[in-house]
Amino acid sequence: MTESSVENEGVLKADQWRERIAEQEQRGISVRQFCKERGLAEHCFYGWRKRLRDRQQPMRFALVQAGRPRPEAAKEASLELMLASGERLRIGDGVDTVWLRAVLEVLRA
């Protein structure tokens, strides 16, 4: 097995665990119950969850707005997300869904 194929296998495994963790959170059931239903070891679930949360990915971009928000910006936004940090993310009509998914992935990390 080449180094490249080993790296790709690790990425695939991480993606699988990322999906499993998201599903468990979306369903709102306990980790124990989720793992029992899926035939997964709880310690593996917790280990991957910690690994994926701790993994520091380089910031690809940052959206910064200095000063007070423009009044017209609030009118343009059809959705506003309040982040845990207290910052707000305003999403206007017609936003590119691929771009929005990328932003949300960065915020989840």
PDB file of N, CA and C in Angstrom:
ATOM      1  N   MET A   1       0.853  -1.182   0.000  1.00  0.00           N
ATOM      2  CA  MET A   1       0.000   0.000   0.000  1.00  0.00           C
ATOM      3  C   MET A   1       0.893   1.237   0.000  1.00  0.00           C
ATOM      4  N   THR A   2       0.590   2.192  -0.853  1.00  0.00           N
ATOM      5  CA  THR A   2       1.412   3.399  -0.930  1.00  0.00           C
ATOM      6  C   THR A   2       1.038   4.378   0.159  1.00  0.00           C
ATOM      7  N   GLU A   3       1.925   5.328   0.396  1.00  0.00           N
ATOM      8  CA  GLU A   3       1.664   6.357   1.408  1.00  0.00           C
ATOM      9  C   GLU A   3       0.405   7.142   1.068  1.00  0.00           C
ATOM     10  N   SER A   4       0.214   7.420  -0.215  1.00  0.00           N
ATOM     11  CA  SER A   4      -0.952   8.175  -0.667  1.00  0.00           C
ATOM     12  C   SER A   4      -2.241   7.415  -0.396  1.00  0.00           C
ATOM     13  N   SER A   5      -2.253   6.093  -0.644  1.00  0.00           N
ATOM     14  CA  SER A   5      -3.471   5.322  -0.415  1.00  0.00           C
ATOM     15  C   SER A   5      -3.769   5.190   1.072  1.00  0.00           C
ATOM     16  N   VAL A   6      -2.735   5.110   1.902  1.00  0.00           N
ATOM     17  CA  VAL A   6      -2.936   5.076   3.355  1.00  0.00           C
ATOM     18  C   VAL A   6      -3.537   6.391   3.827  1.00  0.00           C
ATOM     19  N   GLU A   7      -3.038   7.502   3.295  1.00  0.00           N
ATOM     20  CA  GLU A   7      -3.571   8.822   3.661  1.00  0.00           C
ATOM     21  C   GLU A   7      -5.029   8.951   3.231  1.00  0.00           C
ATOM     22  N   ASN A   8      -5.358   8.501   2.017  1.00  0.00           N
ATOM     23  CA  ASN A   8      -6.735   8.561   1.533  1.00  0.00           C
ATOM     24  C   ASN A   8      -7.660   7.701   2.386  1.00  0.00           C
ATOM     25  N   GLU A   9      -7.171   6.532   2.824  1.00  0.00           N
ATOM     26  CA  GLU A   9      -7.960   5.664   3.677  1.00  0.00           C
ATOM     27  C   GLU A   9      -8.266   6.353   5.014  1.00  0.00           C
ATOM     28  N   GLY A  10      -7.274   7.061   5.562  1.00  0.00           N
ATOM     29  CA  GLY A  10      -7.483   7.802   6.810  1.00  0.00           C
ATOM     30  C   GLY A  10      -8.506   8.908   6.651  1.00  0.00           C
ATOM     31  N   VAL A  11      -8.481   9.585   5.509  1.00  0.00           N
ATOM     32  CA  VAL A  11      -9.456  10.649   5.238  1.00  0.00           C
ATOM     33  C   VAL A  11     -10.855  10.051   5.130  1.00  0.00           C
ATOM     34  N   LEU A  12     -10.967   8.915   4.427  1.00  0.00           N
ATOM     35  CA  LEU A  12     -12.270   8.262   4.297  1.00  0.00           C
ATOM     36  C   LEU A  12     -12.810   7.832   5.650  1.00  0.00           C
ATOM     37  N   LYS A  13     -11.941   7.273   6.487  1.00  0.00           N
ATOM     38  CA  LYS A  13     -12.353   6.833   7.821  1.00  0.00           C
ATOM     39  C   LYS A  13     -12.815   8.031   8.658  1.00  0.00           C
ATOM     40  N   ALA A  14     -12.073   9.126   8.598  1.00  0.00           N
ATOM     41  CA  ALA A  14     -12.453  10.326   9.334  1.00  0.00           C
ATOM     42  C   ALA A  14     -13.799  10.850   8.838  1.00  0.00           C
ATOM     43  N   ASP A  15     -14.010  10.821   7.529  1.00  0.00           N
ATOM     44  CA  ASP A  15     -15.291  11.269   6.970  1.00  0.00           C
ATOM     45  C   ASP A  15     -16.436  10.385   7.455  1.00  0.00           C
ATOM     46  N   GLN A  16     -16.206   9.071   7.503  1.00  0.00           N
ATOM     47  CA  GLN A  16     -17.243   8.152   7.992  1.00  0.00           C
ATOM     48  C   GLN A  16     -17.594   8.462   9.444  1.00  0.00           C
ATOM     49  N   TRP A  17     -16.574   8.684  10.264  1.00  0.00           N
ATOM     50  CA  TRP A  17     -16.831   8.977  11.671  1.00  0.00           C
ATOM     51  C   TRP A  17     -17.492  10.337  11.832  1.00  0.00           C
ATOM     52  N   ARG A  18     -17.110  11.296  11.018  1.00  0.00           N
ATOM     53  CA  ARG A  18     -17.734  12.620  11.069  1.00  0.00           C
ATOM     54  C   ARG A  18     -19.240  12.496  10.789  1.00  0.00           C
ATOM     55  N   GLU A  19     -19.588  11.661   9.796  1.00  0.00           N
ATOM     56  CA  GLU A  19     -20.996  11.448   9.461  1.00  0.00           C
ATOM     57  C   GLU A  19     -21.727  10.735  10.590  1.00  0.00           C
ATOM     58  N   ARG A  20     -21.087   9.728  11.186  1.00  0.00           N
ATOM     59  CA  ARG A  20     -21.708   8.998  12.302  1.00  0.00           C
ATOM     60  C   ARG A  20     -21.969   9.936  13.487  1.00  0.00           C
ATOM     61  N   ILE A  21     -20.982  10.739  13.809  1.00  0.00           N
ATOM     62  CA  ILE A  21     -21.110  11.658  14.944  1.00  0.00           C
ATOM     63  C   ILE A  21     -22.225  12.669  14.678  1.00  0.00           C
ATOM     64  N   ALA A  22     -22.282  13.187  13.467  1.00  0.00           N
ATOM     65  CA  ALA A  22     -23.343  14.143  13.114  1.00  0.00           C
ATOM     66  C   ALA A  22     -24.713  13.485  13.200  1.00  0.00           C
ATOM     67  N   GLU A  23     -24.814  12.234  12.747  1.00  0.00           N
ATOM     68  CA  GLU A  23     -26.099  11.528  12.807  1.00  0.00           C
ATOM     69  C   GLU A  23     -26.551  11.331  14.248  1.00  0.00           C
ATOM     70  N   GLN A  24     -25.612  10.932  15.110  1.00  0.00           N
ATOM     71  CA  GLN A  24     -25.963  10.737  16.521  1.00  0.00           C
ATOM     72  C   GLN A  24     -26.460  12.038  17.134  1.00  0.00           C
ATOM     73  N   GLU A  25     -25.782  13.141  16.828  1.00  0.00           N
ATOM     74  CA  GLU A  25     -26.179  14.439  17.378  1.00  0.00           C
ATOM     75  C   GLU A  25     -27.538  14.866  16.832  1.00  0.00           C
ATOM     76  N   GLN A  26     -27.773  14.637  15.533  1.00  0.00           N
ATOM     77  CA  GLN A  26     -29.046  15.021  14.927  1.00  0.00           C
ATOM     78  C   GLN A  26     -30.202  14.219  15.505  1.00  0.00           C
ATOM     79  N   ARG A  27     -29.962  12.937  15.734  1.00  0.00           N
ATOM     80  CA  ARG A  27     -31.026  12.077  16.267  1.00  0.00           C
ATOM     81  C   ARG A  27     -31.306  12.369  17.741  1.00  0.00           C
ATOM     82  N   GLY A  28     -30.337  12.948  18.430  1.00  0.00           N
ATOM     83  CA  GLY A  28     -30.540  13.319  19.826  1.00  0.00           C
ATOM     84  C   GLY A  28     -30.626  12.125  20.768  1.00  0.00           C
ATOM     85  N   ILE A  29     -30.005  11.020  20.387  1.00  0.00           N
ATOM     86  CA  ILE A  29     -29.996   9.850  21.267  1.00  0.00           C
ATOM     87  C   ILE A  29     -28.632   9.743  21.927  1.00  0.00           C
ATOM     88  N   SER A  30     -28.564   8.927  22.970  1.00  0.00           N
ATOM     89  CA  SER A  30     -27.298   8.784  23.677  1.00  0.00           C
ATOM     90  C   SER A  30     -26.265   8.074  22.801  1.00  0.00           C
ATOM     91  N   VAL A  31     -25.013   8.316  23.117  1.00  0.00           N
ATOM     92  CA  VAL A  31     -23.927   7.650  22.402  1.00  0.00           C
ATOM     93  C   VAL A  31     -24.048   6.148  22.602  1.00  0.00           C
ATOM     94  N   ARG A  32     -24.367   5.745  23.800  1.00  0.00           N
ATOM     95  CA  ARG A  32     -24.509   4.309  24.108  1.00  0.00           C
ATOM     96  C   ARG A  32     -25.562   3.658  23.212  1.00  0.00           C
ATOM     97  N   GLN A  33     -26.718   4.288  23.114  1.00  0.00           N
ATOM     98  CA  GLN A  33     -27.797   3.738  22.296  1.00  0.00           C
ATOM     99  C   GLN A  33     -27.401   3.730  20.811  1.00  0.00           C
ATOM    100  N   PHE A  34     -26.815   4.820  20.338  1.00  0.00           N
ATOM    101  CA  PHE A  34     -26.402   4.914  18.941  1.00  0.00           C
ATOM    102  C   PHE A  34     -25.400   3.814  18.602  1.00  0.00           C
ATOM    103  N   CYS A  35     -24.396   3.648  19.458  1.00  0.00           N
ATOM    104  CA  CYS A  35     -23.364   2.645  19.211  1.00  0.00           C
ATOM    105  C   CYS A  35     -23.951   1.232  19.250  1.00  0.00           C
ATOM    106  N   LYS A  36     -24.875   0.999  20.154  1.00  0.00           N
ATOM    107  CA  LYS A  36     -25.513  -0.315  20.249  1.00  0.00           C
ATOM    108  C   LYS A  36     -26.279  -0.625  18.969  1.00  0.00           C
ATOM    109  N   GLU A  37     -27.030   0.362  18.452  1.00  0.00           N
ATOM    110  CA  GLU A  37     -27.795   0.182  17.219  1.00  0.00           C
ATOM    111  C   GLU A  37     -26.890  -0.083  16.021  1.00  0.00           C
ATOM    112  N   ARG A  38     -25.744   0.557  16.005  1.00  0.00           N
ATOM    113  CA  ARG A  38     -24.821   0.462  14.864  1.00  0.00           C
ATOM    114  C   ARG A  38     -23.748  -0.610  15.033  1.00  0.00           C
ATOM    115  N   GLY A  39     -23.684  -1.240  16.192  1.00  0.00           N
ATOM    116  CA  GLY A  39     -22.651  -2.249  16.419  1.00  0.00           C
ATOM    117  C   GLY A  39     -21.261  -1.633  16.528  1.00  0.00           C
ATOM    118  N   LEU A  40     -21.195  -0.433  17.100  1.00  0.00           N
ATOM    119  CA  LEU A  40     -19.930   0.285  17.244  1.00  0.00           C
ATOM    120  C   LEU A  40     -19.467   0.235  18.698  1.00  0.00           C
ATOM    121  N   ALA A  41     -18.167   0.267  18.895  1.00  0.00           N
ATOM    122  CA  ALA A  41     -17.615   0.337  20.248  1.00  0.00           C
ATOM    123  C   ALA A  41     -17.683   1.791  20.718  1.00  0.00           C
ATOM    124  N   GLU A  42     -18.232   1.986  21.920  1.00  0.00           N
ATOM    125  CA  GLU A  42     -18.363   3.352  22.452  1.00  0.00           C
ATOM    126  C   GLU A  42     -17.016   4.061  22.544  1.00  0.00           C
ATOM    127  N   HIS A  43     -15.982   3.337  22.972  1.00  0.00           N
ATOM    128  CA  HIS A  43     -14.674   3.984  23.119  1.00  0.00           C
ATOM    129  C   HIS A  43     -14.158   4.486  21.770  1.00  0.00           C
ATOM    130  N   CYS A  44     -14.477   3.791  20.684  1.00  0.00           N
ATOM    131  CA  CYS A  44     -14.075   4.262  19.349  1.00  0.00           C
ATOM    132  C   CYS A  44     -14.833   5.537  18.988  1.00  0.00           C
ATOM    133  N   PHE A  45     -16.132   5.551  19.300  1.00  0.00           N
ATOM    134  CA  PHE A  45     -16.950   6.736  19.019  1.00  0.00           C
ATOM    135  C   PHE A  45     -16.374   7.951  19.743  1.00  0.00           C
ATOM    136  N   TYR A  46     -16.143   7.805  21.045  1.00  0.00           N
ATOM    137  CA  TYR A  46     -15.612   8.924  21.831  1.00  0.00           C
ATOM    138  C   TYR A  46     -14.213   9.334  21.361  1.00  0.00           C
ATOM    139  N   GLY A  47     -13.395   8.338  21.025  1.00  0.00           N
ATOM    140  CA  GLY A  47     -12.047   8.642  20.550  1.00  0.00           C
ATOM    141  C   GLY A  47     -12.063   9.436  19.254  1.00  0.00           C
ATOM    142  N   TRP A  48     -12.894   9.015  18.294  1.00  0.00           N
ATOM    143  CA  TRP A  48     -12.982   9.740  17.026  1.00  0.00           C
ATOM    144  C   TRP A  48     -13.600  11.123  17.225  1.00  0.00           C
ATOM    145  N   ARG A  49     -14.590  11.212  18.091  1.00  0.00           N
ATOM    146  CA  ARG A  49     -15.214  12.520  18.322  1.00  0.00           C
ATOM    147  C   ARG A  49     -14.191  13.509  18.885  1.00  0.00           C
ATOM    148  N   LYS A  50     -13.398  13.036  19.839  1.00  0.00           N
ATOM    149  CA  LYS A  50     -12.358  13.900  20.409  1.00  0.00           C
ATOM    150  C   LYS A  50     -11.318  14.254  19.347  1.00  0.00           C
ATOM    151  N   ARG A  51     -10.869  13.270  18.600  1.00  0.00           N
ATOM    152  CA  ARG A  51      -9.856  13.503  17.566  1.00  0.00           C
ATOM    153  C   ARG A  51     -10.341  14.522  16.542  1.00  0.00           C
ATOM    154  N   LEU A  52     -11.578  14.396  16.105  1.00  0.00           N
ATOM    155  CA  LEU A  52     -12.100  15.310  15.091  1.00  0.00           C
ATOM    156  C   LEU A  52     -12.332  16.711  15.656  1.00  0.00           C
ATOM    157  N   ARG A  53     -12.711  16.805  16.919  1.00  0.00           N
ATOM    158  CA  ARG A  53     -12.902  18.124  17.535  1.00  0.00           C
ATOM    159  C   ARG A  53     -11.574  18.813  17.803  1.00  0.00           C
ATOM    160  N   ASP A  54     -10.562  18.024  18.184  1.00  0.00           N
ATOM    161  CA  ASP A  54      -9.259  18.585  18.524  1.00  0.00           C
ATOM    162  C   ASP A  54      -8.416  18.933  17.306  1.00  0.00           C
ATOM    163  N   ARG A  55      -8.746  18.312  16.194  1.00  0.00           N
ATOM    164  CA  ARG A  55      -7.937  18.519  14.984  1.00  0.00           C
ATOM    165  C   ARG A  55      -8.012  19.985  14.568  1.00  0.00           C
ATOM    166  N   GLN A  56      -6.875  20.589  14.522  1.00  0.00           N
ATOM    167  CA  GLN A  56      -6.798  21.994  14.142  1.00  0.00           C
ATOM    168  C   GLN A  56      -6.559  22.090  12.642  1.00  0.00           C
ATOM    169  N   GLN A  57      -7.521  22.615  11.941  1.00  0.00           N
ATOM    170  CA  GLN A  57      -7.358  22.831  10.518  1.00  0.00           C
ATOM    171  C   GLN A  57      -7.031  24.294  10.304  1.00  0.00           C
ATOM    172  N   PRO A  58      -6.159  24.578   9.343  1.00  0.00           N
ATOM    173  CA  PRO A  58      -5.826  25.978   9.088  1.00  0.00           C
ATOM    174  C   PRO A  58      -7.048  26.749   8.598  1.00  0.00           C
ATOM    175  N   MET A  59      -7.169  27.965   9.071  1.00  0.00           N
ATOM    176  CA  MET A  59      -8.270  28.820   8.645  1.00  0.00           C
ATOM    177  C   MET A  59      -8.069  29.187   7.192  1.00  0.00           C
ATOM    178  N   ARG A  60      -9.079  28.938   6.390  1.00  0.00           N
ATOM    179  CA  ARG A  60      -8.981  29.234   4.967  1.00  0.00           C
ATOM    180  C   ARG A  60      -9.369  30.668   4.676  1.00  0.00           C
ATOM    181  N   PHE A  61     -10.237  31.219   5.490  1.00  0.00           N
ATOM    182  CA  PHE A  61     -10.678  32.589   5.301  1.00  0.00           C
ATOM    183  C   PHE A  61     -11.329  33.070   6.583  1.00  0.00           C
ATOM    184  N   ALA A  62     -11.498  34.327   6.680  1.00  0.00           N
ATOM    185  CA  ALA A  62     -12.197  34.899   7.825  1.00  0.00           C
ATOM    186  C   ALA A  62     -13.004  36.093   7.335  1.00  0.00           C
ATOM    187  N   LEU A  63     -14.249  36.150   7.734  1.00  0.00           N
ATOM    188  CA  LEU A  63     -15.092  37.276   7.378  1.00  0.00           C
ATOM    189  C   LEU A  63     -15.078  38.260   8.544  1.00  0.00           C
ATOM    190  N   VAL A  64     -14.691  39.464   8.272  1.00  0.00           N
ATOM    191  CA  VAL A  64     -14.573  40.456   9.333  1.00  0.00           C
ATOM    192  C   VAL A  64     -15.302  41.717   8.913  1.00  0.00           C
ATOM    193  N   GLN A  65     -16.097  42.244   9.829  1.00  0.00           N
ATOM    194  CA  GLN A  65     -16.757  43.511   9.585  1.00  0.00           C
ATOM    195  C   GLN A  65     -16.480  44.398  10.792  1.00  0.00           C
ATOM    196  N   ALA A  66     -15.752  45.455  10.568  1.00  0.00           N
ATOM    197  CA  ALA A  66     -15.425  46.368  11.661  1.00  0.00           C
ATOM    198  C   ALA A  66     -16.518  47.422  11.794  1.00  0.00           C
ATOM    199  N   GLY A  67     -16.687  47.894  13.001  1.00  0.00           N
ATOM    200  CA  GLY A  67     -17.657  48.961  13.223  1.00  0.00           C
ATOM    201  C   GLY A  67     -19.066  48.435  13.395  1.00  0.00           C
ATOM    202  N   ARG A  68     -19.992  49.346  13.351  1.00  0.00           N
ATOM    203  CA  ARG A  68     -21.402  48.992  13.540  1.00  0.00           C
ATOM    204  C   ARG A  68     -21.977  48.389  12.265  1.00  0.00           C
ATOM    205  N   PRO A  69     -22.883  47.426  12.400  1.00  0.00           N
ATOM    206  CA  PRO A  69     -23.495  46.853  11.210  1.00  0.00           C
ATOM    207  C   PRO A  69     -24.371  47.880  10.498  1.00  0.00           C
ATOM    208  N   ARG A  70     -24.363  47.784   9.191  1.00  0.00           N
ATOM    209  CA  ARG A  70     -25.204  48.693   8.395  1.00  0.00           C
ATOM    210  C   ARG A  70     -26.663  48.306   8.565  1.00  0.00           C
ATOM    211  N   PRO A  71     -27.563  49.272   8.716  1.00  0.00           N
ATOM    212  CA  PRO A  71     -28.990  48.939   8.867  1.00  0.00           C
ATOM    213  C   PRO A  71     -29.533  48.173   7.670  1.00  0.00           C
ATOM    214  N   GLU A  72     -29.074  48.513   6.458  1.00  0.00           N
ATOM    215  CA  GLU A  72     -29.594  47.817   5.279  1.00  0.00           C
ATOM    216  C   GLU A  72     -29.129  46.366   5.233  1.00  0.00           C
ATOM    217  N   ALA A  73     -28.009  46.043   5.869  1.00  0.00           N
ATOM    218  CA  ALA A  73     -27.530  44.663   5.881  1.00  0.00           C
ATOM    219  C   ALA A  73     -28.502  43.772   6.639  1.00  0.00           C
ATOM    220  N   ALA A  74     -29.061  44.273   7.718  1.00  0.00           N
ATOM    221  CA  ALA A  74     -30.014  43.493   8.499  1.00  0.00           C
ATOM    222  C   ALA A  74     -31.273  43.229   7.685  1.00  0.00           C
ATOM    223  N   LYS A  75     -31.688  44.189   6.867  1.00  0.00           N
ATOM    224  CA  LYS A  75     -32.877  44.004   6.041  1.00  0.00           C
ATOM    225  C   LYS A  75     -32.633  42.963   4.955  1.00  0.00           C
ATOM    226  N   GLU A  76     -31.401  42.900   4.428  1.00  0.00           N
ATOM    227  CA  GLU A  76     -31.057  41.973   3.356  1.00  0.00           C
ATOM    228  C   GLU A  76     -30.986  40.526   3.839  1.00  0.00           C
ATOM    229  N   ALA A  77     -30.669  40.323   5.093  1.00  0.00           N
ATOM    230  CA  ALA A  77     -30.471  38.973   5.605  1.00  0.00           C
ATOM    231  C   ALA A  77     -31.816  38.281   5.822  1.00  0.00           C
ATOM    232  N   SER A  78     -31.966  37.083   5.246  1.00  0.00           N
ATOM    233  CA  SER A  78     -33.184  36.323   5.477  1.00  0.00           C
ATOM    234  C   SER A  78     -33.005  35.337   6.622  1.00  0.00           C
ATOM    235  N   LEU A  79     -31.746  35.123   7.026  1.00  0.00           N
ATOM    236  CA  LEU A  79     -31.438  34.226   8.127  1.00  0.00           C
ATOM    237  C   LEU A  79     -30.254  34.788   8.895  1.00  0.00           C
ATOM    238  N   GLU A  80     -30.335  34.742  10.205  1.00  0.00           N
ATOM    239  CA  GLU A  80     -29.239  35.226  11.031  1.00  0.00           C
ATOM    240  C   GLU A  80     -28.912  34.165  12.061  1.00  0.00           C
ATOM    241  N   LEU A  81     -27.643  33.749  12.119  1.00  0.00           N
ATOM    242  CA  LEU A  81     -27.190  32.769  13.093  1.00  0.00           C
ATOM    243  C   LEU A  81     -26.413  33.477  14.183  1.00  0.00           C
ATOM    244  N   MET A  82     -26.746  33.195  15.419  1.00  0.00           N
ATOM    245  CA  MET A  82     -26.001  33.739  16.551  1.00  0.00           C
ATOM    246  C   MET A  82     -24.992  32.672  16.960  1.00  0.00           C
ATOM    247  N   LEU A  83     -23.713  32.986  16.858  1.00  0.00           N
ATOM    248  CA  LEU A  83     -22.654  32.047  17.186  1.00  0.00           C
ATOM    249  C   LEU A  83     -22.411  32.037  18.689  1.00  0.00           C
ATOM    250  N   ALA A  84     -21.797  30.977  19.168  1.00  0.00           N
ATOM    251  CA  ALA A  84     -21.515  30.841  20.602  1.00  0.00           C
ATOM    252  C   ALA A  84     -20.654  31.991  21.101  1.00  0.00           C
ATOM    253  N   SER A  85     -19.851  32.564  20.225  1.00  0.00           N
ATOM    254  CA  SER A  85     -18.971  33.669  20.606  1.00  0.00           C
ATOM    255  C   SER A  85     -19.732  34.990  20.738  1.00  0.00           C
ATOM    256  N   GLY A  86     -21.020  34.992  20.345  1.00  0.00           N
ATOM    257  CA  GLY A  86     -21.805  36.216  20.393  1.00  0.00           C
ATOM    258  C   GLY A  86     -21.851  36.935  19.057  1.00  0.00           C
ATOM    259  N   GLU A  87     -21.036  36.502  18.126  1.00  0.00           N
ATOM    260  CA  GLU A  87     -21.038  37.109  16.797  1.00  0.00           C
ATOM    261  C   GLU A  87     -22.251  36.613  16.023  1.00  0.00           C
ATOM    262  N   ARG A  88     -22.618  37.371  15.007  1.00  0.00           N
ATOM    263  CA  ARG A  88     -23.770  37.013  14.192  1.00  0.00           C
ATOM    264  C   ARG A  88     -23.341  36.789  12.751  1.00  0.00           C
ATOM    265  N   LEU A  89     -23.925  35.777  12.157  1.00  0.00           N
ATOM    266  CA  LEU A  89     -23.683  35.474  10.752  1.00  0.00           C
ATOM    267  C   LEU A  89     -24.997  35.716  10.025  1.00  0.00           C
ATOM    268  N   ARG A  90     -25.011  36.708   9.156  1.00  0.00           N
ATOM    269  CA  ARG A  90     -26.212  37.039   8.403  1.00  0.00           C
ATOM    270  C   ARG A  90     -26.130  36.426   7.020  1.00  0.00           C
ATOM    271  N   ILE A  91     -27.180  35.705   6.661  1.00  0.00           N
ATOM    272  CA  ILE A  91     -27.215  34.999   5.388  1.00  0.00           C
ATOM    273  C   ILE A  91     -28.366  35.556   4.572  1.00  0.00           C
ATOM    274  N   GLY A  92     -28.036  36.114   3.418  1.00  0.00           N
ATOM    275  CA  GLY A  92     -29.037  36.736   2.571  1.00  0.00           C
ATOM    276  C   GLY A  92     -29.689  35.762   1.610  1.00  0.00           C
ATOM    277  N   ASP A  93     -30.758  36.209   0.981  1.00  0.00           N
ATOM    278  CA  ASP A  93     -31.433  35.418  -0.043  1.00  0.00           C
ATOM    279  C   ASP A  93     -30.475  35.164  -1.199  1.00  0.00           C
ATOM    280  N   GLY A  94     -30.610  34.027  -1.823  1.00  0.00           N
ATOM    281  CA  GLY A  94     -29.814  33.721  -2.997  1.00  0.00           C
ATOM    282  C   GLY A  94     -28.379  33.341  -2.702  1.00  0.00           C
ATOM    283  N   VAL A  95     -28.059  32.993  -1.441  1.00  0.00           N
ATOM    284  CA  VAL A  95     -26.686  32.608  -1.102  1.00  0.00           C
ATOM    285  C   VAL A  95     -26.361  31.287  -1.792  1.00  0.00           C
ATOM    286  N   ASP A  96     -25.138  31.150  -2.235  1.00  0.00           N
ATOM    287  CA  ASP A  96     -24.661  29.916  -2.864  1.00  0.00           C
ATOM    288  C   ASP A  96     -24.591  28.837  -1.791  1.00  0.00           C
ATOM    289  N   THR A  97     -25.330  27.738  -1.974  1.00  0.00           N
ATOM    290  CA  THR A  97     -25.392  26.701  -0.945  1.00  0.00           C
ATOM    291  C   THR A  97     -24.053  26.010  -0.734  1.00  0.00           C
ATOM    292  N   VAL A  98     -23.241  25.892  -1.767  1.00  0.00           N
ATOM    293  CA  VAL A  98     -21.910  25.288  -1.615  1.00  0.00           C
ATOM    294  C   VAL A  98     -21.062  26.171  -0.703  1.00  0.00           C
ATOM    295  N   TRP A  99     -21.119  27.469  -0.917  1.00  0.00           N
ATOM    296  CA  TRP A  99     -20.378  28.422  -0.092  1.00  0.00           C
ATOM    297  C   TRP A  99     -20.872  28.364   1.353  1.00  0.00           C
ATOM    298  N   LEU A 100     -22.200  28.320   1.529  1.00  0.00           N
ATOM    299  CA  LEU A 100     -22.769  28.279   2.871  1.00  0.00           C
ATOM    300  C   LEU A 100     -22.333  27.013   3.605  1.00  0.00           C
ATOM    301  N   ARG A 101     -22.350  25.872   2.938  1.00  0.00           N
ATOM    302  CA  ARG A 101     -21.893  24.631   3.565  1.00  0.00           C
ATOM    303  C   ARG A 101     -20.436  24.738   4.004  1.00  0.00           C
ATOM    304  N   ALA A 102     -19.609  25.338   3.169  1.00  0.00           N
ATOM    305  CA  ALA A 102     -18.189  25.500   3.508  1.00  0.00           C
ATOM    306  C   ALA A 102     -18.025  26.369   4.749  1.00  0.00           C
ATOM    307  N   VAL A 103     -18.783  27.444   4.828  1.00  0.00           N
ATOM    308  CA  VAL A 103     -18.724  28.334   5.998  1.00  0.00           C
ATOM    309  C   VAL A 103     -19.168  27.583   7.253  1.00  0.00           C
ATOM    310  N   LEU A 104     -20.257  26.847   7.164  1.00  0.00           N
ATOM    311  CA  LEU A 104     -20.765  26.120   8.321  1.00  0.00           C
ATOM    312  C   LEU A 104     -19.787  25.027   8.769  1.00  0.00           C
ATOM    313  N   GLU A 105     -19.104  24.377   7.837  1.00  0.00           N
ATOM    314  CA  GLU A 105     -18.098  23.380   8.199  1.00  0.00           C
ATOM    315  C   GLU A 105     -16.952  24.013   8.979  1.00  0.00           C
ATOM    316  N   VAL A 106     -16.520  25.195   8.558  1.00  0.00           N
ATOM    317  CA  VAL A 106     -15.450  25.894   9.261  1.00  0.00           C
ATOM    318  C   VAL A 106     -15.905  26.270  10.663  1.00  0.00           C
ATOM    319  N   LEU A 107     -17.149  26.694  10.809  1.00  0.00           N
ATOM    320  CA  LEU A 107     -17.661  27.084  12.119  1.00  0.00           C
ATOM    321  C   LEU A 107     -17.807  25.901  13.047  1.00  0.00           C
ATOM    322  N   ARG A 108     -18.114  24.725  12.503  1.00  0.00           N
ATOM    323  CA  ARG A 108     -18.253  23.521  13.319  1.00  0.00           C
ATOM    324  C   ARG A 108     -16.919  23.028  13.848  1.00  0.00           C
ATOM    325  N   ALA A 109     -15.854  23.295  13.108  1.00  0.00           N
ATOM    326  CA  ALA A 109     -14.520  22.779  13.488  1.00  0.00           C
ATOM    327  C   ALA A 109     -13.999  23.426  14.740  1.00  0.00           C
TER     328      ALA A 109
END
